[in-house]
ModelCIF file with pLDDT and N, C-alpha, C, O atoms, coordinates in Angstrom:
data_MODEL
#
_entry.id   MODEL 
#
_entity.id                         1 
_entity.type                       polymer 
_entity.pdbx_number_of_molecules   1 
#
_entity_poly.entity_id                      1 
_entity_poly.type                           'polypeptide(L)' 
_entity_poly.nstd_linkage                   no 
_entity_poly.nstd_monomer                   no 
_entity_poly.pdbx_seq_one_letter_code       QVKRIREQSDKFYLIMDPELVNVSFWYIPKRLRGVPHDAKKEQELG 
_entity_poly.pdbx_seq_one_letter_code_can   QVKRIREQSDKFYLIMDPELVNVSFWYIPKRLRGVPHDAKKEQELG 
_entity_poly.pdbx_strand_id                 A 
#
loop_
_entity_poly_seq.entity_id 
_entity_poly_seq.num 
_entity_poly_seq.mon_id 
_entity_poly_seq.hetero 
1 1  GLN n 
1 2  VAL n 
1 3  LYS n 
1 4  ARG n 
1 5  ILE n 
1 6  ARG n 
1 7  GLU n 
1 8  GLN n 
1 9  SER n 
1 10 ASP n 
1 11 LYS n 
1 12 PHE n 
1 13 TYR n 
1 14 LEU n 
1 15 ILE n 
1 16 MET n 
1 17 ASP n 
1 18 PRO n 
1 19 GLU n 
1 20 LEU n 
1 21 VAL n 
1 22 ASN n 
1 23 VAL n 
1 24 SER n 
1 25 PHE n 
1 26 TRP n 
1 27 TYR n 
1 28 ILE n 
1 29 PRO n 
1 30 LYS n 
1 31 ARG n 
1 32 LEU n 
1 33 ARG n 
1 34 GLY n 
1 35 VAL n 
1 36 PRO n 
1 37 HIS n 
1 38 ASP n 
1 39 ALA n 
1 40 LYS n 
1 41 LYS n 
1 42 GLU n 
1 43 GLN n 
1 44 GLU n 
1 45 LEU n 
1 46 GLY n 
#
_struct_asym.id          A 
_struct_asym.entity_id   1 
#
loop_
_ma_qa_metric.id 
_ma_qa_metric.mode 
_ma_qa_metric.name 
_ma_qa_metric.software_group_id 
_ma_qa_metric.type 
1 global pLDDT . pLDDT 
2 local  pLDDT . pLDDT 
#
_ma_qa_metric_global.metric_id      1 
_ma_qa_metric_global.metric_value   97.09 
_ma_qa_metric_global.model_id       1 
_ma_qa_metric_global.ordinal_id     1 
#
loop_
_ma_qa_metric_local.label_asym_id 
_ma_qa_metric_local.label_comp_id 
_ma_qa_metric_local.label_seq_id 
_ma_qa_metric_local.metric_id 
_ma_qa_metric_local.metric_value 
_ma_qa_metric_local.model_id 
_ma_qa_metric_local.ordinal_id 
A GLN 1  2 98.00 1 1  
A VAL 2  2 98.00 1 2  
A LYS 3  2 98.00 1 3  
A ARG 4  2 98.00 1 4  
A ILE 5  2 98.00 1 5  
A ARG 6  2 98.00 1 6  
A GLU 7  2 98.00 1 7  
A GLN 8  2 97.00 1 8  
A SER 9  2 97.00 1 9  
A ASP 10 2 96.00 1 10 
A LYS 11 2 97.00 1 11 
A PHE 12 2 98.00 1 12 
A TYR 13 2 98.00 1 13 
A LEU 14 2 98.00 1 14 
A ILE 15 2 97.00 1 15 
A MET 16 2 96.00 1 16 
A ASP 17 2 97.00 1 17 
A PRO 18 2 97.00 1 18 
A GLU 19 2 97.00 1 19 
A LEU 20 2 98.00 1 20 
A VAL 21 2 98.00 1 21 
A ASN 22 2 97.00 1 22 
A VAL 23 2 98.00 1 23 
A SER 24 2 98.00 1 24 
A PHE 25 2 98.00 1 25 
A TRP 26 2 98.00 1 26 
A TYR 27 2 98.00 1 27 
A ILE 28 2 98.00 1 28 
A PRO 29 2 97.00 1 29 
A LYS 30 2 96.00 1 30 
A ARG 31 2 96.00 1 31 
A LEU 32 2 97.00 1 32 
A ARG 33 2 96.00 1 33 
A GLY 34 2 93.00 1 34 
A VAL 35 2 96.00 1 35 
A PRO 36 2 96.00 1 36 
A HIS 37 2 96.00 1 37 
A ASP 38 2 96.00 1 38 
A ALA 39 2 96.00 1 39 
A LYS 40 2 96.00 1 40 
A LYS 41 2 97.00 1 41 
A GLU 42 2 97.00 1 42 
A GLN 43 2 97.00 1 43 
A GLU 44 2 97.00 1 44 
A LEU 45 2 98.00 1 45 
A GLY 46 2 97.00 1 46 
#
loop_
_atom_site.group_PDB 
_atom_site.id 
_atom_site.type_symbol 
_atom_site.label_atom_id 
_atom_site.label_alt_id 
_atom_site.label_comp_id 
_atom_site.label_asym_id 
_atom_site.label_entity_id 
_atom_site.label_seq_id 
_atom_site.pdbx_PDB_ins_code 
_atom_site.Cartn_x 
_atom_site.Cartn_y 
_atom_site.Cartn_z 
_atom_site.occupancy 
_atom_site.B_iso_or_equiv 
_atom_site.pdbx_formal_charge 
_atom_site.auth_seq_id 
_atom_site.auth_comp_id 
_atom_site.auth_asym_id 
_atom_site.auth_atom_id 
_atom_site.pdbx_PDB_model_num 
ATOM 1   N N  . GLN A 1 1  ? -11.561 -12.742 3.697   1.00 98.00 ? 1  GLN A N  1 
ATOM 2   C CA . GLN A 1 1  ? -12.276 -11.805 2.817   1.00 98.00 ? 1  GLN A CA 1 
ATOM 3   C C  . GLN A 1 1  ? -12.393 -12.372 1.405   1.00 98.00 ? 1  GLN A C  1 
ATOM 4   O O  . GLN A 1 1  ? -13.443 -12.262 0.772   1.00 98.00 ? 1  GLN A O  1 
ATOM 5   N N  . VAL A 1 2  ? -11.320 -12.973 0.917   1.00 98.00 ? 2  VAL A N  1 
ATOM 6   C CA . VAL A 1 2  ? -11.353 -13.589 -0.411  1.00 98.00 ? 2  VAL A CA 1 
ATOM 7   C C  . VAL A 1 2  ? -12.422 -14.682 -0.450  1.00 98.00 ? 2  VAL A C  1 
ATOM 8   O O  . VAL A 1 2  ? -13.179 -14.781 -1.416  1.00 98.00 ? 2  VAL A O  1 
ATOM 9   N N  . LYS A 1 3  ? -12.481 -15.501 0.602   1.00 98.00 ? 3  LYS A N  1 
ATOM 10  C CA . LYS A 1 3  ? -13.486 -16.564 0.685   1.00 98.00 ? 3  LYS A CA 1 
ATOM 11  C C  . LYS A 1 3  ? -14.895 -15.983 0.642   1.00 98.00 ? 3  LYS A C  1 
ATOM 12  O O  . LYS A 1 3  ? -15.753 -16.504 -0.069  1.00 98.00 ? 3  LYS A O  1 
ATOM 13  N N  . ARG A 1 4  ? -15.145 -14.907 1.394   1.00 98.00 ? 4  ARG A N  1 
ATOM 14  C CA . ARG A 1 4  ? -16.482 -14.310 1.450   1.00 98.00 ? 4  ARG A CA 1 
ATOM 15  C C  . ARG A 1 4  ? -16.836 -13.651 0.104   1.00 98.00 ? 4  ARG A C  1 
ATOM 16  O O  . ARG A 1 4  ? -17.998 -13.674 -0.303  1.00 98.00 ? 4  ARG A O  1 
ATOM 17  N N  . ILE A 1 5  ? -15.864 -13.075 -0.575  1.00 98.00 ? 5  ILE A N  1 
ATOM 18  C CA . ILE A 1 5  ? -16.124 -12.486 -1.898  1.00 98.00 ? 5  ILE A CA 1 
ATOM 19  C C  . ILE A 1 5  ? -16.523 -13.588 -2.880  1.00 98.00 ? 5  ILE A C  1 
ATOM 20  O O  . ILE A 1 5  ? -17.460 -13.426 -3.661  1.00 98.00 ? 5  ILE A O  1 
ATOM 21  N N  . ARG A 1 6  ? -15.803 -14.705 -2.831  1.00 98.00 ? 6  ARG A N  1 
ATOM 22  C CA . ARG A 1 6  ? -16.130 -15.817 -3.740  1.00 98.00 ? 6  ARG A CA 1 
ATOM 23  C C  . ARG A 1 6  ? -17.512 -16.387 -3.446  1.00 98.00 ? 6  ARG A C  1 
ATOM 24  O O  . ARG A 1 6  ? -18.218 -16.818 -4.358  1.00 98.00 ? 6  ARG A O  1 
ATOM 25  N N  . GLU A 1 7  ? -17.893 -16.390 -2.183  1.00 98.00 ? 7  GLU A N  1 
ATOM 26  C CA . GLU A 1 7  ? -19.212 -16.903 -1.816  1.00 98.00 ? 7  GLU A CA 1 
ATOM 27  C C  . GLU A 1 7  ? -20.338 -15.972 -2.252  1.00 98.00 ? 7  GLU A C  1 
ATOM 28  O O  . GLU A 1 7  ? -21.499 -16.376 -2.308  1.00 98.00 ? 7  GLU A O  1 
ATOM 29  N N  . GLN A 1 8  ? -19.987 -14.712 -2.564  1.00 97.00 ? 8  GLN A N  1 
ATOM 30  C CA . GLN A 1 8  ? -20.979 -13.728 -3.010  1.00 97.00 ? 8  GLN A CA 1 
ATOM 31  C C  . GLN A 1 8  ? -20.612 -13.237 -4.411  1.00 97.00 ? 8  GLN A C  1 
ATOM 32  O O  . GLN A 1 8  ? -20.590 -12.035 -4.676  1.00 97.00 ? 8  GLN A O  1 
ATOM 33  N N  . SER A 1 9  ? -20.330 -14.175 -5.290  1.00 97.00 ? 9  SER A N  1 
ATOM 34  C CA . SER A 1 9  ? -19.836 -13.819 -6.625  1.00 97.00 ? 9  SER A CA 1 
ATOM 35  C C  . SER A 1 9  ? -20.859 -13.073 -7.463  1.00 97.00 ? 9  SER A C  1 
ATOM 36  O O  . SER A 1 9  ? -20.507 -12.486 -8.486  1.00 97.00 ? 9  SER A O  1 
ATOM 37  N N  . ASP A 1 10 ? -22.129 -13.084 -7.045  1.00 96.00 ? 10 ASP A N  1 
ATOM 38  C CA . ASP A 1 10 ? -23.112 -12.276 -7.754  1.00 96.00 ? 10 ASP A CA 1 
ATOM 39  C C  . ASP A 1 10 ? -22.929 -10.790 -7.448  1.00 96.00 ? 10 ASP A C  1 
ATOM 40  O O  . ASP A 1 10 ? -23.260 -9.938  -8.272  1.00 96.00 ? 10 ASP A O  1 
ATOM 41  N N  . LYS A 1 11 ? -22.392 -10.476 -6.244  1.00 97.00 ? 11 LYS A N  1 
ATOM 42  C CA . LYS A 1 11 ? -22.239 -9.087  -5.806  1.00 97.00 ? 11 LYS A CA 1 
ATOM 43  C C  . LYS A 1 11 ? -20.817 -8.556  -5.942  1.00 97.00 ? 11 LYS A C  1 
ATOM 44  O O  . LYS A 1 11 ? -20.615 -7.346  -6.050  1.00 97.00 ? 11 LYS A O  1 
ATOM 45  N N  . PHE A 1 12 ? -19.837 -9.444  -5.938  1.00 98.00 ? 12 PHE A N  1 
ATOM 46  C CA . PHE A 1 12 ? -18.443 -9.004  -5.942  1.00 98.00 ? 12 PHE A CA 1 
ATOM 47  C C  . PHE A 1 12 ? -17.642 -9.801  -6.967  1.00 98.00 ? 12 PHE A C  1 
ATOM 48  O O  . PHE A 1 12 ? -17.908 -10.975 -7.228  1.00 98.00 ? 12 PHE A O  1 
ATOM 49  N N  . TYR A 1 13 ? -16.656 -9.119  -7.535  1.00 98.00 ? 13 TYR A N  1 
ATOM 50  C CA . TYR A 1 13 ? -15.767 -9.767  -8.509  1.00 98.00 ? 13 TYR A CA 1 
ATOM 51  C C  . TYR A 1 13 ? -14.341 -9.637  -7.993  1.00 98.00 ? 13 TYR A C  1 
ATOM 52  O O  . TYR A 1 13 ? -13.809 -8.529  -7.924  1.00 98.00 ? 13 TYR A O  1 
ATOM 53  N N  . LEU A 1 14 ? -13.712 -10.757 -7.628  1.00 98.00 ? 14 LEU A N  1 
ATOM 54  C CA . LEU A 1 14 ? -12.328 -10.758 -7.148  1.00 98.00 ? 14 LEU A CA 1 
ATOM 55  C C  . LEU A 1 14 ? -11.388 -10.629 -8.338  1.00 98.00 ? 14 LEU A C  1 
ATOM 56  O O  . LEU A 1 14 ? -11.434 -11.437 -9.266  1.00 98.00 ? 14 LEU A O  1 
ATOM 57  N N  . ILE A 1 15 ? -10.535 -9.611  -8.307  1.00 97.00 ? 15 ILE A N  1 
ATOM 58  C CA . ILE A 1 15 ? -9.658  -9.364  -9.446  1.00 97.00 ? 15 ILE A CA 1 
ATOM 59  C C  . ILE A 1 15 ? -8.515  -10.370 -9.492  1.00 97.00 ? 15 ILE A C  1 
ATOM 60  O O  . ILE A 1 15 ? -8.143  -10.831 -10.572 1.00 97.00 ? 15 ILE A O  1 
ATOM 61  N N  . MET A 1 16 ? -7.953  -10.716 -8.340  1.00 96.00 ? 16 MET A N  1 
ATOM 62  C CA . MET A 1 16 ? -6.895  -11.723 -8.285  1.00 96.00 ? 16 MET A CA 1 
ATOM 63  C C  . MET A 1 16 ? -6.718  -12.196 -6.851  1.00 96.00 ? 16 MET A C  1 
ATOM 64  O O  . MET A 1 16 ? -7.107  -11.513 -5.903  1.00 96.00 ? 16 MET A O  1 
ATOM 65  N N  . ASP A 1 17 ? -6.128  -13.366 -6.707  1.00 97.00 ? 17 ASP A N  1 
ATOM 66  C CA . ASP A 1 17 ? -5.773  -13.842 -5.379  1.00 97.00 ? 17 ASP A CA 1 
ATOM 67  C C  . ASP A 1 17 ? -4.634  -12.980 -4.848  1.00 97.00 ? 17 ASP A C  1 
ATOM 68  O O  . ASP A 1 17 ? -3.608  -12.845 -5.516  1.00 97.00 ? 17 ASP A O  1 
ATOM 69  N N  . PRO A 1 18 ? -4.789  -12.395 -3.667  1.00 97.00 ? 18 PRO A N  1 
ATOM 70  C CA . PRO A 1 18 ? -3.759  -11.493 -3.159  1.00 97.00 ? 18 PRO A CA 1 
ATOM 71  C C  . PRO A 1 18 ? -2.560  -12.243 -2.591  1.00 97.00 ? 18 PRO A C  1 
ATOM 72  O O  . PRO A 1 18 ? -2.691  -13.363 -2.097  1.00 97.00 ? 18 PRO A O  1 
ATOM 73  N N  . GLU A 1 19 ? -1.385  -11.611 -2.666  1.00 97.00 ? 19 GLU A N  1 
ATOM 74  C CA . GLU A 1 19 ? -0.190  -12.137 -2.013  1.00 97.00 ? 19 GLU A CA 1 
ATOM 75  C C  . GLU A 1 19 ? -0.008  -11.543 -0.623  1.00 97.00 ? 19 GLU A C  1 
ATOM 76  O O  . GLU A 1 19 ? 0.721   -12.090 0.204   1.00 97.00 ? 19 GLU A O  1 
ATOM 77  N N  . LEU A 1 20 ? -0.674  -10.423 -0.371  1.00 98.00 ? 20 LEU A N  1 
ATOM 78  C CA . LEU A 1 20 ? -0.539  -9.731  0.906   1.00 98.00 ? 20 LEU A CA 1 
ATOM 79  C C  . LEU A 1 20 ? -1.954  -9.443  1.420   1.00 98.00 ? 20 LEU A C  1 
ATOM 80  O O  . LEU A 1 20 ? -2.879  -10.187 1.096   1.00 98.00 ? 20 LEU A O  1 
ATOM 81  N N  . VAL A 1 21 ? -2.137  -8.410  2.192   1.00 98.00 ? 21 VAL A N  1 
ATOM 82  C CA . VAL A 1 21 ? -3.455  -8.103  2.752   1.00 98.00 ? 21 VAL A CA 1 
ATOM 83  C C  . VAL A 1 21 ? -4.223  -7.106  1.885   1.00 98.00 ? 21 VAL A C  1 
ATOM 84  O O  . VAL A 1 21 ? -5.289  -6.634  2.282   1.00 98.00 ? 21 VAL A O  1 
ATOM 85  N N  . ASN A 1 22 ? -3.690  -6.783  0.704   1.00 97.00 ? 22 ASN A N  1 
ATOM 86  C CA . ASN A 1 22 ? -4.406  -5.960  -0.268  1.00 97.00 ? 22 ASN A CA 1 
ATOM 87  C C  . ASN A 1 22 ? -5.392  -6.865  -1.012  1.00 97.00 ? 22 ASN A C  1 
ATOM 88  O O  . ASN A 1 22 ? -4.979  -7.814  -1.680  1.00 97.00 ? 22 ASN A O  1 
ATOM 89  N N  . VAL A 1 23 ? -6.669  -6.581  -0.902  1.00 98.00 ? 23 VAL A N  1 
ATOM 90  C CA . VAL A 1 23 ? -7.666  -7.370  -1.631  1.00 98.00 ? 23 VAL A CA 1 
ATOM 91  C C  . VAL A 1 23 ? -8.323  -6.460  -2.660  1.00 98.00 ? 23 VAL A C  1 
ATOM 92  O O  . VAL A 1 23 ? -8.945  -5.458  -2.308  1.00 98.00 ? 23 VAL A O  1 
ATOM 93  N N  . SER A 1 24 ? -8.182  -6.816  -3.930  1.00 98.00 ? 24 SER A N  1 
ATOM 94  C CA . SER A 1 24 ? -8.664  -5.983  -5.040  1.00 98.00 ? 24 SER A CA 1 
ATOM 95  C C  . SER A 1 24 ? -9.925  -6.607  -5.635  1.00 98.00 ? 24 SER A C  1 
ATOM 96  O O  . SER A 1 24 ? -9.949  -7.787  -5.984  1.00 98.00 ? 24 SER A O  1 
ATOM 97  N N  . PHE A 1 25 ? -10.973 -5.784  -5.742  1.00 98.00 ? 25 PHE A N  1 
ATOM 98  C CA . PHE A 1 25 ? -12.258 -6.333  -6.188  1.00 98.00 ? 25 PHE A CA 1 
ATOM 99  C C  . PHE A 1 25 ? -13.154 -5.226  -6.737  1.00 98.00 ? 25 PHE A C  1 
ATOM 100 O O  . PHE A 1 25 ? -12.930 -4.039  -6.499  1.00 98.00 ? 25 PHE A O  1 
ATOM 101 N N  . TRP A 1 26 ? -14.170 -5.652  -7.474  1.00 98.00 ? 26 TRP A N  1 
ATOM 102 C CA . TRP A 1 26 ? -15.245 -4.758  -7.891  1.00 98.00 ? 26 TRP A CA 1 
ATOM 103 C C  . TRP A 1 26 ? -16.531 -5.138  -7.147  1.00 98.00 ? 26 TRP A C  1 
ATOM 104 O O  . TRP A 1 26 ? -16.754 -6.296  -6.795  1.00 98.00 ? 26 TRP A O  1 
ATOM 105 N N  . TYR A 1 27 ? -17.357 -4.128  -6.925  1.00 98.00 ? 27 TYR A N  1 
ATOM 106 C CA . TYR A 1 27 ? -18.716 -4.377  -6.445  1.00 98.00 ? 27 TYR A CA 1 
ATOM 107 C C  . TYR A 1 27 ? -19.649 -4.360  -7.641  1.00 98.00 ? 27 TYR A C  1 
ATOM 108 O O  . TYR A 1 27 ? -19.516 -3.503  -8.515  1.00 98.00 ? 27 TYR A O  1 
ATOM 109 N N  . ILE A 1 28 ? -20.603 -5.304  -7.695  1.00 98.00 ? 28 ILE A N  1 
ATOM 110 C CA . ILE A 1 28 ? -21.543 -5.419  -8.807  1.00 98.00 ? 28 ILE A CA 1 
ATOM 111 C C  . ILE A 1 28 ? -22.935 -5.038  -8.308  1.00 98.00 ? 28 ILE A C  1 
ATOM 112 O O  . ILE A 1 28 ? -23.524 -5.787  -7.528  1.00 98.00 ? 28 ILE A O  1 
ATOM 113 N N  . PRO A 1 29 ? -23.478 -3.899  -8.731  1.00 97.00 ? 29 PRO A N  1 
ATOM 114 C CA . PRO A 1 29 ? -24.830 -3.523  -8.310  1.00 97.00 ? 29 PRO A CA 1 
ATOM 115 C C  . PRO A 1 29 ? -25.876 -4.402  -8.997  1.00 97.00 ? 29 PRO A C  1 
ATOM 116 O O  . PRO A 1 29 ? -25.567 -5.155  -9.921  1.00 97.00 ? 29 PRO A O  1 
ATOM 117 N N  . LYS A 1 30 ? -27.114 -4.289  -8.526  1.00 96.00 ? 30 LYS A N  1 
ATOM 118 C CA . LYS A 1 30 ? -28.175 -5.191  -8.993  1.00 96.00 ? 30 LYS A CA 1 
ATOM 119 C C  . LYS A 1 30 ? -28.344 -5.191  -10.504 1.00 96.00 ? 30 LYS A C  1 
ATOM 120 O O  . LYS A 1 30 ? -28.566 -6.242  -11.106 1.00 96.00 ? 30 LYS A O  1 
ATOM 121 N N  . ARG A 1 31 ? -28.239 -3.999  -11.130 1.00 96.00 ? 31 ARG A N  1 
ATOM 122 C CA . ARG A 1 31 ? -28.533 -3.912  -12.562 1.00 96.00 ? 31 ARG A CA 1 
ATOM 123 C C  . ARG A 1 31 ? -27.494 -4.626  -13.430 1.00 96.00 ? 31 ARG A C  1 
ATOM 124 O O  . ARG A 1 31 ? -27.754 -4.919  -14.597 1.00 96.00 ? 31 ARG A O  1 
ATOM 125 N N  . LEU A 1 32 ? -26.304 -4.907  -12.855 1.00 97.00 ? 32 LEU A N  1 
ATOM 126 C CA . LEU A 1 32 ? -25.245 -5.535  -13.646 1.00 97.00 ? 32 LEU A CA 1 
ATOM 127 C C  . LEU A 1 32 ? -25.024 -6.995  -13.280 1.00 97.00 ? 32 LEU A C  1 
ATOM 128 O O  . LEU A 1 32 ? -24.147 -7.651  -13.842 1.00 97.00 ? 32 LEU A O  1 
ATOM 129 N N  . ARG A 1 33 ? -25.818 -7.511  -12.336 1.00 96.00 ? 33 ARG A N  1 
ATOM 130 C CA . ARG A 1 33 ? -25.664 -8.908  -11.958 1.00 96.00 ? 33 ARG A CA 1 
ATOM 131 C C  . ARG A 1 33 ? -26.211 -9.810  -13.060 1.00 96.00 ? 33 ARG A C  1 
ATOM 132 O O  . ARG A 1 33 ? -27.306 -9.583  -13.577 1.00 96.00 ? 33 ARG A O  1 
ATOM 133 N N  . GLY A 1 34 ? -25.449 -10.818 -13.406 1.00 93.00 ? 34 GLY A N  1 
ATOM 134 C CA . GLY A 1 34 ? -25.842 -11.712 -14.493 1.00 93.00 ? 34 GLY A CA 1 
ATOM 135 C C  . GLY A 1 34 ? -25.354 -11.260 -15.853 1.00 93.00 ? 34 GLY A C  1 
ATOM 136 O O  . GLY A 1 34 ? -25.434 -12.014 -16.823 1.00 93.00 ? 34 GLY A O  1 
ATOM 137 N N  . VAL A 1 35 ? -24.837 -10.007 -15.939 1.00 96.00 ? 35 VAL A N  1 
ATOM 138 C CA . VAL A 1 35 ? -24.277 -9.517  -17.207 1.00 96.00 ? 35 VAL A CA 1 
ATOM 139 C C  . VAL A 1 35 ? -22.893 -10.126 -17.394 1.00 96.00 ? 35 VAL A C  1 
ATOM 140 O O  . VAL A 1 35 ? -22.099 -10.098 -16.454 1.00 96.00 ? 35 VAL A O  1 
ATOM 141 N N  . PRO A 1 36 ? -22.564 -10.677 -18.568 1.00 96.00 ? 36 PRO A N  1 
ATOM 142 C CA . PRO A 1 36 ? -21.241 -11.279 -18.784 1.00 96.00 ? 36 PRO A CA 1 
ATOM 143 C C  . PRO A 1 36 ? -20.121 -10.285 -18.462 1.00 96.00 ? 36 PRO A C  1 
ATOM 144 O O  . PRO A 1 36 ? -20.224 -9.095  -18.761 1.00 96.00 ? 36 PRO A O  1 
ATOM 145 N N  . HIS A 1 37 ? -19.042 -10.801 -17.844 1.00 96.00 ? 37 HIS A N  1 
ATOM 146 C CA . HIS A 1 37 ? -17.931 -9.929  -17.455 1.00 96.00 ? 37 HIS A CA 1 
ATOM 147 C C  . HIS A 1 37 ? -17.027 -9.692  -18.661 1.00 96.00 ? 37 HIS A C  1 
ATOM 148 O O  . HIS A 1 37 ? -16.408 -10.620 -19.181 1.00 96.00 ? 37 HIS A O  1 
ATOM 149 N N  . ASP A 1 38 ? -16.963 -8.436  -19.095 1.00 96.00 ? 38 ASP A N  1 
ATOM 150 C CA . ASP A 1 38 ? -16.076 -8.057  -20.202 1.00 96.00 ? 38 ASP A CA 1 
ATOM 151 C C  . ASP A 1 38 ? -15.575 -6.637  -19.957 1.00 96.00 ? 38 ASP A C  1 
ATOM 152 O O  . ASP A 1 38 ? -15.856 -6.040  -18.917 1.00 96.00 ? 38 ASP A O  1 
ATOM 153 N N  . ALA A 1 39 ? -14.833 -6.105  -20.921 1.00 96.00 ? 39 ALA A N  1 
ATOM 154 C CA . ALA A 1 39 ? -14.228 -4.780  -20.751 1.00 96.00 ? 39 ALA A CA 1 
ATOM 155 C C  . ALA A 1 39 ? -15.285 -3.696  -20.569 1.00 96.00 ? 39 ALA A C  1 
ATOM 156 O O  . ALA A 1 39 ? -15.085 -2.747  -19.811 1.00 96.00 ? 39 ALA A O  1 
ATOM 157 N N  . LYS A 1 40 ? -16.405 -3.839  -21.263 1.00 96.00 ? 40 LYS A N  1 
ATOM 158 C CA . LYS A 1 40 ? -17.466 -2.834  -21.134 1.00 96.00 ? 40 LYS A CA 1 
ATOM 159 C C  . LYS A 1 40 ? -18.052 -2.840  -19.723 1.00 96.00 ? 40 LYS A C  1 
ATOM 160 O O  . LYS A 1 40 ? -18.321 -1.786  -19.146 1.00 96.00 ? 40 LYS A O  1 
ATOM 161 N N  . LYS A 1 41 ? -18.245 -4.042  -19.178 1.00 97.00 ? 41 LYS A N  1 
ATOM 162 C CA . LYS A 1 41 ? -18.771 -4.138  -17.818 1.00 97.00 ? 41 LYS A CA 1 
ATOM 163 C C  . LYS A 1 41 ? -17.773 -3.571  -16.812 1.00 97.00 ? 41 LYS A C  1 
ATOM 164 O O  . LYS A 1 41 ? -18.164 -2.905  -15.854 1.00 97.00 ? 41 LYS A O  1 
ATOM 165 N N  . GLU A 1 42 ? -16.497 -3.833  -17.027 1.00 97.00 ? 42 GLU A N  1 
ATOM 166 C CA . GLU A 1 42 ? -15.469 -3.303  -16.129 1.00 97.00 ? 42 GLU A CA 1 
ATOM 167 C C  . GLU A 1 42 ? -15.497 -1.773  -16.102 1.00 97.00 ? 42 GLU A C  1 
ATOM 168 O O  . GLU A 1 42 ? -15.315 -1.164  -15.049 1.00 97.00 ? 42 GLU A O  1 
ATOM 169 N N  . GLN A 1 43 ? -15.723 -1.160  -17.259 1.00 97.00 ? 43 GLN A N  1 
ATOM 170 C CA . GLN A 1 43 ? -15.814 0.302   -17.291 1.00 97.00 ? 43 GLN A CA 1 
ATOM 171 C C  . GLN A 1 43 ? -16.988 0.797   -16.448 1.00 97.00 ? 43 GLN A C  1 
ATOM 172 O O  . GLN A 1 43 ? -16.877 1.813   -15.762 1.00 97.00 ? 43 GLN A O  1 
ATOM 173 N N  . GLU A 1 44 ? -18.098 0.088   -16.498 1.00 97.00 ? 44 GLU A N  1 
ATOM 174 C CA . GLU A 1 44 ? -19.254 0.455   -15.679 1.00 97.00 ? 44 GLU A CA 1 
ATOM 175 C C  . GLU A 1 44 ? -18.954 0.274   -14.193 1.00 97.00 ? 44 GLU A C  1 
ATOM 176 O O  . GLU A 1 44 ? -19.305 1.122   -13.373 1.00 97.00 ? 44 GLU A O  1 
ATOM 177 N N  . LEU A 1 45 ? -18.305 -0.835  -13.856 1.00 98.00 ? 45 LEU A N  1 
ATOM 178 C CA . LEU A 1 45 ? -17.967 -1.092  -12.456 1.00 98.00 ? 45 LEU A CA 1 
ATOM 179 C C  . LEU A 1 45 ? -16.981 -0.044  -11.937 1.00 98.00 ? 45 LEU A C  1 
ATOM 180 O O  . LEU A 1 45 ? -17.031 0.346   -10.770 1.00 98.00 ? 45 LEU A O  1 
ATOM 181 N N  . GLY A 1 46 ? -16.084 0.406   -12.819 1.00 97.00 ? 46 GLY A N  1 
ATOM 182 C CA . GLY A 1 46 ? -15.121 1.431   -12.430 1.00 97.00 ? 46 GLY A CA 1 
ATOM 183 C C  . GLY A 1 46 ? -15.777 2.765   -12.096 1.00 97.00 ? 46 GLY A C  1 
ATOM 184 O O  . GLY A 1 46 ? -15.086 3.723   -11.751 1.00 97.00 ? 46 GLY A O  1 
#
């Protein structure tokens, strides 16, 4: 799953490499793709 998220980095943002089977990530909708990743963007993704 981590590999597939990295391969689709325009659509998904991996928060960290997991130590277990918990995979933490954000989904990036079309309107936010290409927007620099910062705290404001994270609030929108949340």
